[in-house]
Amino acid sequence: MFVAIDHVQLAMPAGGEDLARRFFTGVLGMEEVAKPAGLAGRGGCWFASGEVQVHVGVEAEFRPAKKAHPAFRCRDYAGLLAHLRAHNIEVVEVNDLPGVRRSHIFDPFGNRIELISD
């Protein structure tokens, strides 16, 4: 029935758009995608890398998602981790699944993001 995930939504507090842009475009290398005019007034911003889309939306009573998270399969996993560390992003490597290289990072709002080696 389902064939793919269209996008993942993460939350942020009001006014966090510039911080989101610096992280998702500046650090993760994603491109910002224009929001449809009918949704632009809600705040937030959308980002894409290949077929992966992340929508970062404003949540009035914001609390970071520390458990629930998107997991992104990554090319050049080692290079990405080195890049993140060079940008002072804490990378927590997880070794609990045999044969799977994965780690966790947190966006500037405290939302967990999992990275998995392709």
PDB file of N, CA and C in Angstrom:
ATOM      1  N   MET A   1       0.818  -1.187   0.000  1.00  0.00           N
ATOM      2  CA  MET A   1       0.000   0.000   0.000  1.00  0.00           C
ATOM      3  C   MET A   1       0.870   1.263   0.000  1.00  0.00           C
ATOM      4  N   PHE A   2       1.858   1.344   0.894  1.00  0.00           N
ATOM      5  CA  PHE A   2       2.739   2.520   0.951  1.00  0.00           C
ATOM      6  C   PHE A   2       3.985   2.233   0.132  1.00  0.00           C
ATOM      7  N   VAL A   3       4.500   3.242  -0.547  1.00  0.00           N
ATOM      8  CA  VAL A   3       5.667   3.033  -1.398  1.00  0.00           C
ATOM      9  C   VAL A   3       6.887   3.840  -0.960  1.00  0.00           C
ATOM     10  N   ALA A   4       6.679   4.897  -0.184  1.00  0.00           N
ATOM     11  CA  ALA A   4       7.796   5.725   0.278  1.00  0.00           C
ATOM     12  C   ALA A   4       7.284   6.693   1.324  1.00  0.00           C
ATOM     13  N   ILE A   5       8.194   7.280   2.042  1.00  0.00           N
ATOM     14  CA  ILE A   5       7.843   8.382   2.946  1.00  0.00           C
ATOM     15  C   ILE A   5       8.020   9.669   2.155  1.00  0.00           C
ATOM     16  N   ASP A   6       6.998  10.476   2.106  1.00  0.00           N
ATOM     17  CA  ASP A   6       7.051  11.735   1.366  1.00  0.00           C
ATOM     18  C   ASP A   6       7.939  12.755   2.073  1.00  0.00           C
ATOM     19  N   HIS A   7       7.756  12.899   3.380  1.00  0.00           N
ATOM     20  CA  HIS A   7       8.581  13.822   4.153  1.00  0.00           C
ATOM     21  C   HIS A   7       8.484  13.462   5.629  1.00  0.00           C
ATOM     22  N   VAL A   8       9.362  14.049   6.403  1.00  0.00           N
ATOM     23  CA  VAL A   8       9.350  13.918   7.858  1.00  0.00           C
ATOM     24  C   VAL A   8       9.182  15.313   8.423  1.00  0.00           C
ATOM     25  N   GLN A   9       8.344  15.451   9.427  1.00  0.00           N
ATOM     26  CA  GLN A   9       8.126  16.748  10.071  1.00  0.00           C
ATOM     27  C   GLN A   9       8.828  16.755  11.417  1.00  0.00           C
ATOM     28  N   LEU A  10       9.628  17.782  11.651  1.00  0.00           N
ATOM     29  CA  LEU A  10      10.229  18.038  12.955  1.00  0.00           C
ATOM     30  C   LEU A  10       9.674  19.368  13.449  1.00  0.00           C
ATOM     31  N   ALA A  11       9.649  19.541  14.746  1.00  0.00           N
ATOM     32  CA  ALA A  11       9.110  20.774  15.317  1.00  0.00           C
ATOM     33  C   ALA A  11      10.242  21.681  15.794  1.00  0.00           C
ATOM     34  N   MET A  12       9.907  22.950  15.885  1.00  0.00           N
ATOM     35  CA  MET A  12      10.825  23.959  16.422  1.00  0.00           C
ATOM     36  C   MET A  12       9.996  25.049  17.088  1.00  0.00           C
ATOM     37  N   PRO A  13      10.629  25.851  17.940  1.00  0.00           N
ATOM     38  CA  PRO A  13       9.890  26.971  18.533  1.00  0.00           C
ATOM     39  C   PRO A  13       9.733  28.102  17.515  1.00  0.00           C
ATOM     40  N   ALA A  14       8.790  28.981  17.761  1.00  0.00           N
ATOM     41  CA  ALA A  14       8.562  30.138  16.889  1.00  0.00           C
ATOM     42  C   ALA A  14       9.854  30.947  16.767  1.00  0.00           C
ATOM     43  N   GLY A  15      10.117  31.422  15.563  1.00  0.00           N
ATOM     44  CA  GLY A  15      11.288  32.260  15.319  1.00  0.00           C
ATOM     45  C   GLY A  15      12.579  31.494  15.067  1.00  0.00           C
ATOM     46  N   GLY A  16      12.501  30.173  14.944  1.00  0.00           N
ATOM     47  CA  GLY A  16      13.709  29.370  14.771  1.00  0.00           C
ATOM     48  C   GLY A  16      14.133  29.135  13.334  1.00  0.00           C
ATOM     49  N   GLU A  17      13.516  29.795  12.376  1.00  0.00           N
ATOM     50  CA  GLU A  17      13.801  29.527  10.966  1.00  0.00           C
ATOM     51  C   GLU A  17      15.266  29.732  10.588  1.00  0.00           C
ATOM     52  N   ASP A  18      15.876  30.828  11.024  1.00  0.00           N
ATOM     53  CA  ASP A  18      17.276  31.071  10.653  1.00  0.00           C
ATOM     54  C   ASP A  18      18.199  30.004  11.232  1.00  0.00           C
ATOM     55  N   LEU A  19      17.952  29.587  12.443  1.00  0.00           N
ATOM     56  CA  LEU A  19      18.742  28.522  13.062  1.00  0.00           C
ATOM     57  C   LEU A  19      18.539  27.208  12.302  1.00  0.00           C
ATOM     58  N   ALA A  20      17.308  26.922  11.905  1.00  0.00           N
ATOM     59  CA  ALA A  20      17.021  25.717  11.121  1.00  0.00           C
ATOM     60  C   ALA A  20      17.764  25.772   9.790  1.00  0.00           C
ATOM     61  N   ARG A  21      17.746  26.919   9.133  1.00  0.00           N
ATOM     62  CA  ARG A  21      18.439  27.065   7.852  1.00  0.00           C
ATOM     63  C   ARG A  21      19.942  26.847   8.001  1.00  0.00           C
ATOM     64  N   ARG A  22      20.531  27.434   9.036  1.00  0.00           N
ATOM     65  CA  ARG A  22      21.978  27.259   9.250  1.00  0.00           C
ATOM     66  C   ARG A  22      22.329  25.796   9.456  1.00  0.00           C
ATOM     67  N   PHE A  23      21.475  25.048  10.149  1.00  0.00           N
ATOM     68  CA  PHE A  23      21.753  23.639  10.421  1.00  0.00           C
ATOM     69  C   PHE A  23      21.479  22.767   9.197  1.00  0.00           C
ATOM     70  N   PHE A  24      20.270  22.836   8.667  1.00  0.00           N
ATOM     71  CA  PHE A  24      19.887  21.917   7.596  1.00  0.00           C
ATOM     72  C   PHE A  24      20.568  22.233   6.269  1.00  0.00           C
ATOM     73  N   THR A  25      20.802  23.510   5.955  1.00  0.00           N
ATOM     74  CA  THR A  25      21.511  23.827   4.712  1.00  0.00           C
ATOM     75  C   THR A  25      23.011  23.970   4.965  1.00  0.00           C
ATOM     76  N   GLY A  26      23.384  24.738   5.972  1.00  0.00           N
ATOM     77  CA  GLY A  26      24.793  25.020   6.225  1.00  0.00           C
ATOM     78  C   GLY A  26      25.590  23.834   6.712  1.00  0.00           C
ATOM     79  N   VAL A  27      25.010  23.034   7.596  1.00  0.00           N
ATOM     80  CA  VAL A  27      25.732  21.894   8.162  1.00  0.00           C
ATOM     81  C   VAL A  27      25.405  20.598   7.427  1.00  0.00           C
ATOM     82  N   LEU A  28      24.123  20.291   7.249  1.00  0.00           N
ATOM     83  CA  LEU A  28      23.755  19.029   6.609  1.00  0.00           C
ATOM     84  C   LEU A  28      23.799  19.095   5.082  1.00  0.00           C
ATOM     85  N   GLY A  29      23.898  20.283   4.513  1.00  0.00           N
ATOM     86  CA  GLY A  29      24.019  20.402   3.062  1.00  0.00           C
ATOM     87  C   GLY A  29      22.727  20.191   2.292  1.00  0.00           C
ATOM     88  N   MET A  30      21.602  20.274   2.964  1.00  0.00           N
ATOM     89  CA  MET A  30      20.316  20.140   2.271  1.00  0.00           C
ATOM     90  C   MET A  30      19.989  21.460   1.571  1.00  0.00           C
ATOM     91  N   GLU A  31      19.046  21.404   0.638  1.00  0.00           N
ATOM     92  CA  GLU A  31      18.579  22.615  -0.029  1.00  0.00           C
ATOM     93  C   GLU A  31      17.237  23.016   0.545  1.00  0.00           C
ATOM     94  N   GLU A  32      17.041  24.312   0.702  1.00  0.00           N
ATOM     95  CA  GLU A  32      15.727  24.760   1.163  1.00  0.00           C
ATOM     96  C   GLU A  32      14.739  24.675   0.007  1.00  0.00           C
ATOM     97  N   VAL A  33      13.539  24.204   0.302  1.00  0.00           N
ATOM     98  CA  VAL A  33      12.458  24.072  -0.671  1.00  0.00           C
ATOM     99  C   VAL A  33      11.401  25.110  -0.302  1.00  0.00           C
ATOM    100  N   ALA A  34      10.945  25.860  -1.287  1.00  0.00           N
ATOM    101  CA  ALA A  34       9.920  26.871  -1.020  1.00  0.00           C
ATOM    102  C   ALA A  34       8.636  26.201  -0.551  1.00  0.00           C
ATOM    103  N   LYS A  35       8.062  26.740   0.514  1.00  0.00           N
ATOM    104  CA  LYS A  35       6.771  26.246   0.990  1.00  0.00           C
ATOM    105  C   LYS A  35       5.668  26.798   0.081  1.00  0.00           C
ATOM    106  N   PRO A  36       4.599  26.051  -0.112  1.00  0.00           N
ATOM    107  CA  PRO A  36       3.468  26.589  -0.874  1.00  0.00           C
ATOM    108  C   PRO A  36       2.938  27.861  -0.211  1.00  0.00           C
ATOM    109  N   ALA A  37       2.484  28.800  -1.006  1.00  0.00           N
ATOM    110  CA  ALA A  37       2.028  30.096  -0.501  1.00  0.00           C
ATOM    111  C   ALA A  37       0.998  29.956   0.612  1.00  0.00           C
ATOM    112  N   GLY A  38       0.105  28.990   0.495  1.00  0.00           N
ATOM    113  CA  GLY A  38      -0.937  28.808   1.497  1.00  0.00           C
ATOM    114  C   GLY A  38      -0.415  28.344   2.848  1.00  0.00           C
ATOM    115  N   LEU A  39       0.810  27.817   2.886  1.00  0.00           N
ATOM    116  CA  LEU A  39       1.396  27.333   4.142  1.00  0.00           C
ATOM    117  C   LEU A  39       2.489  28.250   4.676  1.00  0.00           C
ATOM    118  N   ALA A  40       2.976  29.166   3.862  1.00  0.00           N
ATOM    119  CA  ALA A  40       4.107  30.008   4.239  1.00  0.00           C
ATOM    120  C   ALA A  40       3.827  30.849   5.484  1.00  0.00           C
ATOM    121  N   GLY A  41       2.598  31.276   5.681  1.00  0.00           N
ATOM    122  CA  GLY A  41       2.258  32.111   6.817  1.00  0.00           C
ATOM    123  C   GLY A  41       2.340  31.408   8.157  1.00  0.00           C
ATOM    124  N   ARG A  42       2.452  30.099   8.153  1.00  0.00           N
ATOM    125  CA  ARG A  42       2.531  29.335   9.402  1.00  0.00           C
ATOM    126  C   ARG A  42       3.927  29.336  10.010  1.00  0.00           C
ATOM    127  N   GLY A  43       4.913  29.848   9.268  1.00  0.00           N
ATOM    128  CA  GLY A  43       6.296  29.791   9.728  1.00  0.00           C
ATOM    129  C   GLY A  43       6.898  28.435   9.399  1.00  0.00           C
ATOM    130  N   GLY A  44       8.124  28.253   9.820  1.00  0.00           N
ATOM    131  CA  GLY A  44       8.827  27.014   9.535  1.00  0.00           C
ATOM    132  C   GLY A  44       9.473  27.040   8.169  1.00  0.00           C
ATOM    133  N   CYS A  45      10.151  25.966   7.803  1.00  0.00           N
ATOM    134  CA  CYS A  45      10.826  25.865   6.517  1.00  0.00           C
ATOM    135  C   CYS A  45      10.991  24.402   6.131  1.00  0.00           C
ATOM    136  N   TRP A  46      11.161  24.184   4.833  1.00  0.00           N
ATOM    137  CA  TRP A  46      11.277  22.832   4.295  1.00  0.00           C
ATOM    138  C   TRP A  46      12.636  22.663   3.639  1.00  0.00           C
ATOM    139  N   PHE A  47      13.185  21.440   3.734  1.00  0.00           N
ATOM    140  CA  PHE A  47      14.504  21.144   3.188  1.00  0.00           C
ATOM    141  C   PHE A  47      14.466  19.812   2.458  1.00  0.00           C
ATOM    142  N   ALA A  48      15.379  19.651   1.471  1.00  0.00           N
ATOM    143  CA  ALA A  48      15.441  18.404   0.720  1.00  0.00           C
ATOM    144  C   ALA A  48      16.883  18.054   0.376  1.00  0.00           C
ATOM    145  N   SER A  49      17.136  16.755   0.274  1.00  0.00           N
ATOM    146  CA  SER A  49      18.392  16.209  -0.223  1.00  0.00           C
ATOM    147  C   SER A  49      18.014  14.949  -0.988  1.00  0.00           C
ATOM    148  N   GLY A  50      18.104  15.003  -2.306  1.00  0.00           N
ATOM    149  CA  GLY A  50      17.620  13.879  -3.107  1.00  0.00           C
ATOM    150  C   GLY A  50      16.131  13.698  -2.869  1.00  0.00           C
ATOM    151  N   GLU A  51      15.737  12.479  -2.536  1.00  0.00           N
ATOM    152  CA  GLU A  51      14.326  12.173  -2.278  1.00  0.00           C
ATOM    153  C   GLU A  51      13.925  12.413  -0.822  1.00  0.00           C
ATOM    154  N   VAL A  52      14.867  12.799   0.021  1.00  0.00           N
ATOM    155  CA  VAL A  52      14.604  13.002   1.452  1.00  0.00           C
ATOM    156  C   VAL A  52      14.137  14.437   1.681  1.00  0.00           C
ATOM    157  N   GLN A  53      12.976  14.586   2.311  1.00  0.00           N
ATOM    158  CA  GLN A  53      12.482  15.917   2.669  1.00  0.00           C
ATOM    159  C   GLN A  53      12.233  15.992   4.167  1.00  0.00           C
ATOM    160  N   VAL A  54      12.626  17.130   4.732  1.00  0.00           N
ATOM    161  CA  VAL A  54      12.385  17.426   6.142  1.00  0.00           C
ATOM    162  C   VAL A  54      11.623  18.745   6.191  1.00  0.00           C
ATOM    163  N   HIS A  55      10.473  18.718   6.839  1.00  0.00           N
ATOM    164  CA  HIS A  55       9.704  19.936   7.074  1.00  0.00           C
ATOM    165  C   HIS A  55       9.878  20.290   8.538  1.00  0.00           C
ATOM    166  N   VAL A  56      10.328  21.502   8.806  1.00  0.00           N
ATOM    167  CA  VAL A  56      10.510  21.947  10.178  1.00  0.00           C
ATOM    168  C   VAL A  56       9.428  22.982  10.445  1.00  0.00           C
ATOM    169  N   GLY A  57       8.503  22.626  11.330  1.00  0.00           N
ATOM    170  CA  GLY A  57       7.341  23.468  11.574  1.00  0.00           C
ATOM    171  C   GLY A  57       7.320  24.042  12.968  1.00  0.00           C
ATOM    172  N   VAL A  58       6.673  25.173  13.093  1.00  0.00           N
ATOM    173  CA  VAL A  58       6.552  25.860  14.375  1.00  0.00           C
ATOM    174  C   VAL A  58       5.506  25.158  15.234  1.00  0.00           C
ATOM    175  N   GLU A  59       5.873  24.891  16.464  1.00  0.00           N
ATOM    176  CA  GLU A  59       4.958  24.292  17.431  1.00  0.00           C
ATOM    177  C   GLU A  59       4.881  25.230  18.636  1.00  0.00           C
ATOM    178  N   ALA A  60       3.673  25.698  18.956  1.00  0.00           N
ATOM    179  CA  ALA A  60       3.486  26.701  20.011  1.00  0.00           C
ATOM    180  C   ALA A  60       4.073  26.255  21.353  1.00  0.00           C
ATOM    181  N   GLU A  61       3.762  25.062  21.774  1.00  0.00           N
ATOM    182  CA  GLU A  61       4.294  24.555  23.045  1.00  0.00           C
ATOM    183  C   GLU A  61       5.397  23.543  22.738  1.00  0.00           C
ATOM    184  N   PHE A  62       6.447  24.029  22.098  1.00  0.00           N
ATOM    185  CA  PHE A  62       7.512  23.175  21.589  1.00  0.00           C
ATOM    186  C   PHE A  62       8.225  22.390  22.682  1.00  0.00           C
ATOM    187  N   ARG A  63       8.413  21.109  22.403  1.00  0.00           N
ATOM    188  CA  ARG A  63       9.288  20.228  23.182  1.00  0.00           C
ATOM    189  C   ARG A  63      10.051  19.384  22.177  1.00  0.00           C
ATOM    190  N   PRO A  64      11.372  19.269  22.309  1.00  0.00           N
ATOM    191  CA  PRO A  64      12.126  18.476  21.332  1.00  0.00           C
ATOM    192  C   PRO A  64      11.763  16.997  21.392  1.00  0.00           C
ATOM    193  N   ALA A  65      11.838  16.344  20.234  1.00  0.00           N
ATOM    194  CA  ALA A  65      11.606  14.906  20.146  1.00  0.00           C
ATOM    195  C   ALA A  65      12.929  14.202  20.434  1.00  0.00           C
ATOM    196  N   LYS A  66      13.060  13.676  21.630  1.00  0.00           N
ATOM    197  CA  LYS A  66      14.310  13.021  22.040  1.00  0.00           C
ATOM    198  C   LYS A  66      14.302  11.530  21.721  1.00  0.00           C
ATOM    199  N   LYS A  67      13.133  10.924  21.595  1.00  0.00           N
ATOM    200  CA  LYS A  67      13.014   9.494  21.289  1.00  0.00           C
ATOM    201  C   LYS A  67      12.546   9.289  19.845  1.00  0.00           C
ATOM    202  N   ALA A  68      11.391   9.844  19.509  1.00  0.00           N
ATOM    203  CA  ALA A  68      10.891   9.749  18.129  1.00  0.00           C
ATOM    204  C   ALA A  68      11.867  10.480  17.222  1.00  0.00           C
ATOM    205  N   HIS A  69      12.134   9.919  16.020  1.00  0.00           N
ATOM    206  CA  HIS A  69      13.149  10.529  15.168  1.00  0.00           C
ATOM    207  C   HIS A  69      13.063  10.012  13.738  1.00  0.00           C
ATOM    208  N   PRO A  70      13.555  10.821  12.791  1.00  0.00           N
ATOM    209  CA  PRO A  70      13.769  10.294  11.445  1.00  0.00           C
ATOM    210  C   PRO A  70      15.123   9.592  11.414  1.00  0.00           C
ATOM    211  N   ALA A  71      15.272   8.636  10.518  1.00  0.00           N
ATOM    212  CA  ALA A  71      16.556   7.963  10.318  1.00  0.00           C
ATOM    213  C   ALA A  71      16.906   8.095   8.843  1.00  0.00           C
ATOM    214  N   PHE A  72      18.068   8.675   8.561  1.00  0.00           N
ATOM    215  CA  PHE A  72      18.495   8.915   7.191  1.00  0.00           C
ATOM    216  C   PHE A  72      19.631   7.976   6.822  1.00  0.00           C
ATOM    217  N   ARG A  73      19.471   7.257   5.722  1.00  0.00           N
ATOM    218  CA  ARG A  73      20.541   6.421   5.176  1.00  0.00           C
ATOM    219  C   ARG A  73      21.476   7.362   4.427  1.00  0.00           C
ATOM    220  N   CYS A  74      22.784   7.246   4.679  1.00  0.00           N
ATOM    221  CA  CYS A  74      23.758   8.221   4.187  1.00  0.00           C
ATOM    222  C   CYS A  74      24.849   7.594   3.332  1.00  0.00           C
ATOM    223  N   ARG A  75      25.204   8.270   2.249  1.00  0.00           N
ATOM    224  CA  ARG A  75      26.405   7.924   1.489  1.00  0.00           C
ATOM    225  C   ARG A  75      27.577   8.577   2.211  1.00  0.00           C
ATOM    226  N   ASP A  76      28.768   8.039   2.077  1.00  0.00           N
ATOM    227  CA  ASP A  76      29.979   8.564   2.709  1.00  0.00           C
ATOM    228  C   ASP A  76      29.725   8.879   4.185  1.00  0.00           C
ATOM    229  N   TYR A  77      29.266   7.870   4.880  1.00  0.00           N
ATOM    230  CA  TYR A  77      28.919   7.988   6.296  1.00  0.00           C
ATOM    231  C   TYR A  77      30.099   8.537   7.111  1.00  0.00           C
ATOM    232  N   ALA A  78      31.282   7.970   6.926  1.00  0.00           N
ATOM    233  CA  ALA A  78      32.458   8.420   7.686  1.00  0.00           C
ATOM    234  C   ALA A  78      32.774   9.881   7.386  1.00  0.00           C
ATOM    235  N   GLY A  79      32.675  10.267   6.114  1.00  0.00           N
ATOM    236  CA  GLY A  79      32.912  11.657   5.748  1.00  0.00           C
ATOM    237  C   GLY A  79      31.889  12.599   6.362  1.00  0.00           C
ATOM    238  N   LEU A  80      30.635  12.148   6.398  1.00  0.00           N
ATOM    239  CA  LEU A  80      29.584  12.963   7.006  1.00  0.00           C
ATOM    240  C   LEU A  80      29.844  13.162   8.497  1.00  0.00           C
ATOM    241  N   LEU A  81      30.209  12.089   9.199  1.00  0.00           N
ATOM    242  CA  LEU A  81      30.485  12.225  10.632  1.00  0.00           C
ATOM    243  C   LEU A  81      31.656  13.166  10.876  1.00  0.00           C
ATOM    244  N   ALA A  82      32.713  13.070  10.061  1.00  0.00           N
ATOM    245  CA  ALA A  82      33.850  13.978  10.199  1.00  0.00           C
ATOM    246  C   ALA A  82      33.409  15.424   9.957  1.00  0.00           C
ATOM    247  N   HIS A  83      32.575  15.629   8.946  1.00  0.00           N
ATOM    248  CA  HIS A  83      32.050  16.964   8.630  1.00  0.00           C
ATOM    249  C   HIS A  83      31.239  17.516   9.809  1.00  0.00           C
ATOM    250  N   LEU A  84      30.380  16.680  10.379  1.00  0.00           N
ATOM    251  CA  LEU A  84      29.560  17.122  11.512  1.00  0.00           C
ATOM    252  C   LEU A  84      30.433  17.496  12.703  1.00  0.00           C
ATOM    253  N   ARG A  85      31.409  16.661  13.000  1.00  0.00           N
ATOM    254  CA  ARG A  85      32.303  16.958  14.132  1.00  0.00           C
ATOM    255  C   ARG A  85      33.096  18.240  13.893  1.00  0.00           C
ATOM    256  N   ALA A  86      33.488  18.490  12.651  1.00  0.00           N
ATOM    257  CA  ALA A  86      34.202  19.727  12.314  1.00  0.00           C
ATOM    258  C   ALA A  86      33.327  20.954  12.536  1.00  0.00           C
ATOM    259  N   HIS A  87      32.007  20.750  12.509  1.00  0.00           N
ATOM    260  CA  HIS A  87      31.050  21.831  12.772  1.00  0.00           C
ATOM    261  C   HIS A  87      30.548  21.791  14.217  1.00  0.00           C
ATOM    262  N   ASN A  88      31.292  21.094  15.073  1.00  0.00           N
ATOM    263  CA  ASN A  88      30.965  21.001  16.505  1.00  0.00           C
ATOM    264  C   ASN A  88      29.596  20.395  16.787  1.00  0.00           C
ATOM    265  N   ILE A  89      29.174  19.471  15.920  1.00  0.00           N
ATOM    266  CA  ILE A  89      27.933  18.738  16.154  1.00  0.00           C
ATOM    267  C   ILE A  89      28.307  17.453  16.891  1.00  0.00           C
ATOM    268  N   GLU A  90      27.696  17.225  18.035  1.00  0.00           N
ATOM    269  CA  GLU A  90      27.957  15.998  18.783  1.00  0.00           C
ATOM    270  C   GLU A  90      27.383  14.807  18.021  1.00  0.00           C
ATOM    271  N   VAL A  91      28.214  13.809  17.816  1.00  0.00           N
ATOM    272  CA  VAL A  91      27.813  12.578  17.133  1.00  0.00           C
ATOM    273  C   VAL A  91      27.907  11.446  18.151  1.00  0.00           C
ATOM    274  N   VAL A  92      26.795  10.779  18.393  1.00  0.00           N
ATOM    275  CA  VAL A  92      26.760   9.656  19.331  1.00  0.00           C
ATOM    276  C   VAL A  92      26.647   8.374  18.511  1.00  0.00           C
ATOM    277  N   GLU A  93      27.763   7.650  18.390  1.00  0.00           N
ATOM    278  CA  GLU A  93      27.739   6.407  17.629  1.00  0.00           C
ATOM    279  C   GLU A  93      27.093   5.310  18.458  1.00  0.00           C
ATOM    280  N   VAL A  94      26.270   4.509  17.799  1.00  0.00           N
ATOM    281  CA  VAL A  94      25.504   3.458  18.456  1.00  0.00           C
ATOM    282  C   VAL A  94      25.928   2.123  17.850  1.00  0.00           C
ATOM    283  N   ASN A  95      26.274   1.156  18.704  1.00  0.00           N
ATOM    284  CA  ASN A  95      26.773  -0.136  18.228  1.00  0.00           C
ATOM    285  C   ASN A  95      25.925  -1.292  18.739  1.00  0.00           C
ATOM    286  N   ASP A  96      24.608  -1.150  18.683  1.00  0.00           N
ATOM    287  CA  ASP A  96      23.742  -2.185  19.247  1.00  0.00           C
ATOM    288  C   ASP A  96      23.050  -3.068  18.202  1.00  0.00           C
ATOM    289  N   LEU A  97      23.266  -2.790  16.914  1.00  0.00           N
ATOM    290  CA  LEU A  97      22.702  -3.618  15.843  1.00  0.00           C
ATOM    291  C   LEU A  97      23.860  -4.204  15.040  1.00  0.00           C
ATOM    292  N   PRO A  98      24.091  -5.506  15.148  1.00  0.00           N
ATOM    293  CA  PRO A  98      25.215  -6.113  14.428  1.00  0.00           C
ATOM    294  C   PRO A  98      25.165  -5.822  12.928  1.00  0.00           C
ATOM    295  N   GLY A  99      26.304  -5.377  12.393  1.00  0.00           N
ATOM    296  CA  GLY A  99      26.412  -5.106  10.970  1.00  0.00           C
ATOM    297  C   GLY A  99      25.849  -3.780  10.510  1.00  0.00           C
ATOM    298  N   VAL A 100      25.372  -2.949  11.430  1.00  0.00           N
ATOM    299  CA  VAL A 100      24.785  -1.656  11.069  1.00  0.00           C
ATOM    300  C   VAL A 100      25.600  -0.541  11.716  1.00  0.00           C
ATOM    301  N   ARG A 101      26.143   0.329  10.870  1.00  0.00           N
ATOM    302  CA  ARG A 101      26.844   1.515  11.384  1.00  0.00           C
ATOM    303  C   ARG A 101      25.820   2.642  11.459  1.00  0.00           C
ATOM    304  N   ARG A 102      25.606   3.145  12.672  1.00  0.00           N
ATOM    305  CA  ARG A 102      24.622   4.217  12.837  1.00  0.00           C
ATOM    306  C   ARG A 102      25.019   5.124  13.981  1.00  0.00           C
ATOM    307  N   SER A 103      24.448   6.309  13.983  1.00  0.00           N
ATOM    308  CA  SER A 103      24.731   7.282  15.031  1.00  0.00           C
ATOM    309  C   SER A 103      23.532   8.217  15.181  1.00  0.00           C
ATOM    310  N   HIS A 104      23.571   8.975  16.254  1.00  0.00           N
ATOM    311  CA  HIS A 104      22.536   9.973  16.516  1.00  0.00           C
ATOM    312  C   HIS A 104      23.176  11.346  16.598  1.00  0.00           C
ATOM    313  N   ILE A 105      22.469  12.321  16.061  1.00  0.00           N
ATOM    314  CA  ILE A 105      22.817  13.718  16.237  1.00  0.00           C
ATOM    315  C   ILE A 105      21.543  14.423  16.684  1.00  0.00           C
ATOM    316  N   PHE A 106      21.669  15.674  17.059  1.00  0.00           N
ATOM    317  CA  PHE A 106      20.504  16.461  17.458  1.00  0.00           C
ATOM    318  C   PHE A 106      20.513  17.764  16.681  1.00  0.00           C
ATOM    319  N   ASP A 107      19.351  18.159  16.186  1.00  0.00           N
ATOM    320  CA  ASP A 107      19.261  19.442  15.493  1.00  0.00           C
ATOM    321  C   ASP A 107      19.386  20.557  16.533  1.00  0.00           C
ATOM    322  N   PRO A 108      19.432  21.825  16.114  1.00  0.00           N
ATOM    323  CA  PRO A 108      19.640  22.913  17.079  1.00  0.00           C
ATOM    324  C   PRO A 108      18.525  23.062  18.111  1.00  0.00           C
ATOM    325  N   PHE A 109      17.396  22.380  17.880  1.00  0.00           N
ATOM    326  CA  PHE A 109      16.261  22.472  18.790  1.00  0.00           C
ATOM    327  C   PHE A 109      16.183  21.282  19.731  1.00  0.00           C
ATOM    328  N   GLY A 110      17.121  20.324  19.583  1.00  0.00           N
ATOM    329  CA  GLY A 110      17.150  19.148  20.442  1.00  0.00           C
ATOM    330  C   GLY A 110      16.437  17.932  19.895  1.00  0.00           C
ATOM    331  N   ASN A 111      15.941  17.989  18.649  1.00  0.00           N
ATOM    332  CA  ASN A 111      15.296  16.839  18.029  1.00  0.00           C
ATOM    333  C   ASN A 111      16.359  15.827  17.597  1.00  0.00           C
ATOM    334  N   ARG A 112      16.138  14.569  17.909  1.00  0.00           N
ATOM    335  CA  ARG A 112      17.079  13.507  17.540  1.00  0.00           C
ATOM    336  C   ARG A 112      16.932  13.152  16.060  1.00  0.00           C
ATOM    337  N   ILE A 113      18.074  12.933  15.401  1.00  0.00           N
ATOM    338  CA  ILE A 113      18.121  12.468  14.023  1.00  0.00           C
ATOM    339  C   ILE A 113      19.096  11.308  13.984  1.00  0.00           C
ATOM    340  N   GLU A 114      18.675  10.193  13.391  1.00  0.00           N
ATOM    341  CA  GLU A 114      19.545   9.021  13.270  1.00  0.00           C
ATOM    342  C   GLU A 114      20.168   9.019  11.876  1.00  0.00           C
ATOM    343  N   LEU A 115      21.445   8.671  11.818  1.00  0.00           N
ATOM    344  CA  LEU A 115      22.176   8.547  10.558  1.00  0.00           C
ATOM    345  C   LEU A 115      22.623   7.097  10.432  1.00  0.00           C
ATOM    346  N   ILE A 116      22.381   6.491   9.269  1.00  0.00           N
ATOM    347  CA  ILE A 116      22.713   5.086   9.033  1.00  0.00           C
ATOM    348  C   ILE A 116      23.599   4.993   7.801  1.00  0.00           C
ATOM    349  N   SER A 117      24.680   4.261   7.915  1.00  0.00           N
ATOM    350  CA  SER A 117      25.594   4.069   6.789  1.00  0.00           C
ATOM    351  C   SER A 117      24.908   3.270   5.687  1.00  0.00           C
ATOM    352  N   ASP A 118      25.054   3.730   4.455  1.00  0.00           N
ATOM    353  CA  ASP A 118      24.442   3.059   3.302  1.00  0.00           C
ATOM    354  C   ASP A 118      25.243   1.830   2.910  1.00  0.00           C
TER     355      ASP A 118
END
